[in-house]
Amino acid sequence: MVAAVTGLTVRSFRHEVLECEQPVLVLFRSVWSAASDIMESRLAQAAIHYAGKVKTCKLDLDADARLAEEYHVLTVPTVLVFKGGELIDRLSGFVSERILKSEVDALLG
């Protein structure tokens, strides 16, 4: 099974995240951040492991920072956790695979 991290724009955010029936992990990343690359790889693994249960997305802050401002993202990378269209948690900075897995497992209950 191939699962991917969906690329977001400001225009697609509402549909892909806020209107999604599944829980959504959104990685706010930057091309200049090596930690962002690692977190994107971890989200890609989560997309495969939790396929059909959790949606994984990424947003390039270098292209547009409006959503980062709206959600008060101050650290790159940051993963915002949405459920039912509501922001319920955030993981700021570089986080381990164990912490990411724990967060998703708790999200799924």
Protein backbone atom coordinates (compact mmCIF):
# COMPACT_ATOMS: atom_id res chain seq x y z
CA MET A 1 0.00 0.00 0.00
CA VAL A 2 1.37 3.40 -0.97
CA ALA A 3 0.41 6.36 1.17
CA ALA A 4 1.72 9.85 0.73
CA VAL A 5 2.08 13.09 2.59
CA THR A 6 -0.35 15.44 0.84
CA GLY A 7 1.05 18.83 -0.12
CA LEU A 8 -1.12 21.73 1.04
CA THR A 9 -1.66 25.31 0.01
CA VAL A 10 -3.64 28.03 1.75
CA ARG A 11 -6.41 27.35 -0.77
CA SER A 12 -6.56 23.58 -0.17
CA PHE A 13 -6.20 23.72 3.63
CA ARG A 14 -9.90 23.99 4.46
CA HIS A 15 -10.90 21.03 2.30
CA GLU A 16 -7.91 18.79 3.03
CA VAL A 17 -7.68 19.47 6.78
CA LEU A 18 -10.66 21.24 8.33
CA GLU A 19 -13.31 19.30 6.38
CA CYS A 20 -11.56 15.92 6.60
CA GLU A 21 -13.40 13.19 8.50
CA GLN A 22 -10.15 11.53 9.55
CA PRO A 23 -7.68 12.98 12.04
CA VAL A 24 -5.02 15.01 10.20
CA LEU A 25 -1.33 15.63 10.95
CA VAL A 26 -0.03 18.78 9.25
CA LEU A 27 3.71 19.33 9.03
CA PHE A 28 4.69 22.98 8.78
CA ARG A 29 8.11 22.76 7.14
CA SER A 30 10.76 24.78 5.36
CA VAL A 31 13.19 23.82 2.61
CA TRP A 32 16.14 25.22 4.59
CA SER A 33 15.43 23.01 7.63
CA ALA A 34 17.11 19.60 7.74
CA ALA A 35 14.85 18.68 10.66
CA SER A 36 11.86 19.35 8.37
CA ASP A 37 13.18 16.74 5.93
CA ILE A 38 13.48 14.18 8.71
CA MET A 39 10.00 14.96 10.04
CA GLU A 40 8.55 14.67 6.54
CA SER A 41 10.13 11.22 6.27
CA ARG A 42 8.58 10.27 9.62
CA LEU A 43 5.18 11.52 8.47
CA ALA A 44 5.54 9.47 5.28
CA GLN A 45 6.13 6.38 7.41
CA ALA A 46 3.10 7.28 9.54
CA ALA A 47 1.04 7.67 6.36
CA ILE A 48 1.89 4.09 5.44
CA HIS A 49 1.47 2.65 8.94
CA TYR A 50 -1.84 4.42 9.64
CA ALA A 51 -3.23 4.38 6.08
CA GLY A 52 -6.98 4.86 6.11
CA LYS A 53 -6.97 6.02 9.74
CA VAL A 54 -4.97 9.26 9.71
CA LYS A 55 -4.27 11.74 6.93
CA THR A 56 -0.79 13.28 6.72
CA CYS A 57 -0.12 16.63 5.07
CA LYS A 58 2.69 19.16 4.69
CA LEU A 59 2.77 22.89 4.17
CA ASP A 60 5.81 24.76 2.83
CA LEU A 61 6.29 27.90 4.90
CA ASP A 62 8.65 29.35 2.32
CA ALA A 63 5.82 29.43 -0.22
CA ASP A 64 3.22 30.98 2.10
CA ALA A 65 3.36 31.69 5.83
CA ARG A 66 -0.24 32.86 6.36
CA LEU A 67 -1.41 29.62 8.00
CA ALA A 68 1.67 29.54 10.22
CA GLU A 69 0.72 32.98 11.46
CA GLU A 70 -2.92 31.99 11.96
CA TYR A 71 -1.98 28.89 13.98
CA HIS A 72 0.93 30.57 15.79
CA VAL A 73 3.61 28.26 14.41
CA LEU A 74 6.87 29.66 15.74
CA THR A 75 9.19 26.65 15.32
CA VAL A 76 10.16 24.76 12.19
CA PRO A 77 9.27 21.97 11.90
CA THR A 78 5.94 21.85 13.73
CA VAL A 79 3.24 19.21 13.39
CA LEU A 80 -0.30 20.36 14.12
CA VAL A 81 -2.85 17.69 15.00
CA PHE A 82 -6.45 18.22 13.85
CA LYS A 83 -9.53 16.16 14.63
CA GLY A 84 -13.02 17.08 13.52
CA GLY A 85 -11.64 20.25 11.96
CA GLU A 86 -10.28 21.48 15.29
CA LEU A 87 -6.66 21.93 16.32
CA ILE A 88 -6.18 19.60 19.29
CA ASP A 89 -2.41 19.37 19.73
CA ARG A 90 0.98 20.40 18.37
CA LEU A 91 4.45 18.89 18.27
CA SER A 92 7.03 21.64 17.93
CA GLY A 93 10.55 21.04 16.70
CA PHE A 94 12.20 17.74 15.99
CA VAL A 95 10.35 14.81 17.60
CA SER A 96 11.32 11.16 17.76
CA GLU A 97 9.51 8.37 15.94
CA ARG A 98 8.38 7.06 19.33
CA ILE A 99 6.77 10.37 20.30
CA LEU A 100 5.06 10.73 16.91
CA LYS A 101 3.72 7.16 17.13
CA SER A 102 2.53 7.76 20.68
CA GLU A 103 0.71 10.92 19.60
CA VAL A 104 -1.05 9.15 16.72
CA ASP A 105 -1.95 6.12 18.86
CA ALA A 106 -3.49 8.44 21.48
CA LEU A 107 -5.33 10.33 18.73
CA LEU A 108 -6.89 7.10 17.50
CA GLY A 109 -7.75 6.03 21.04
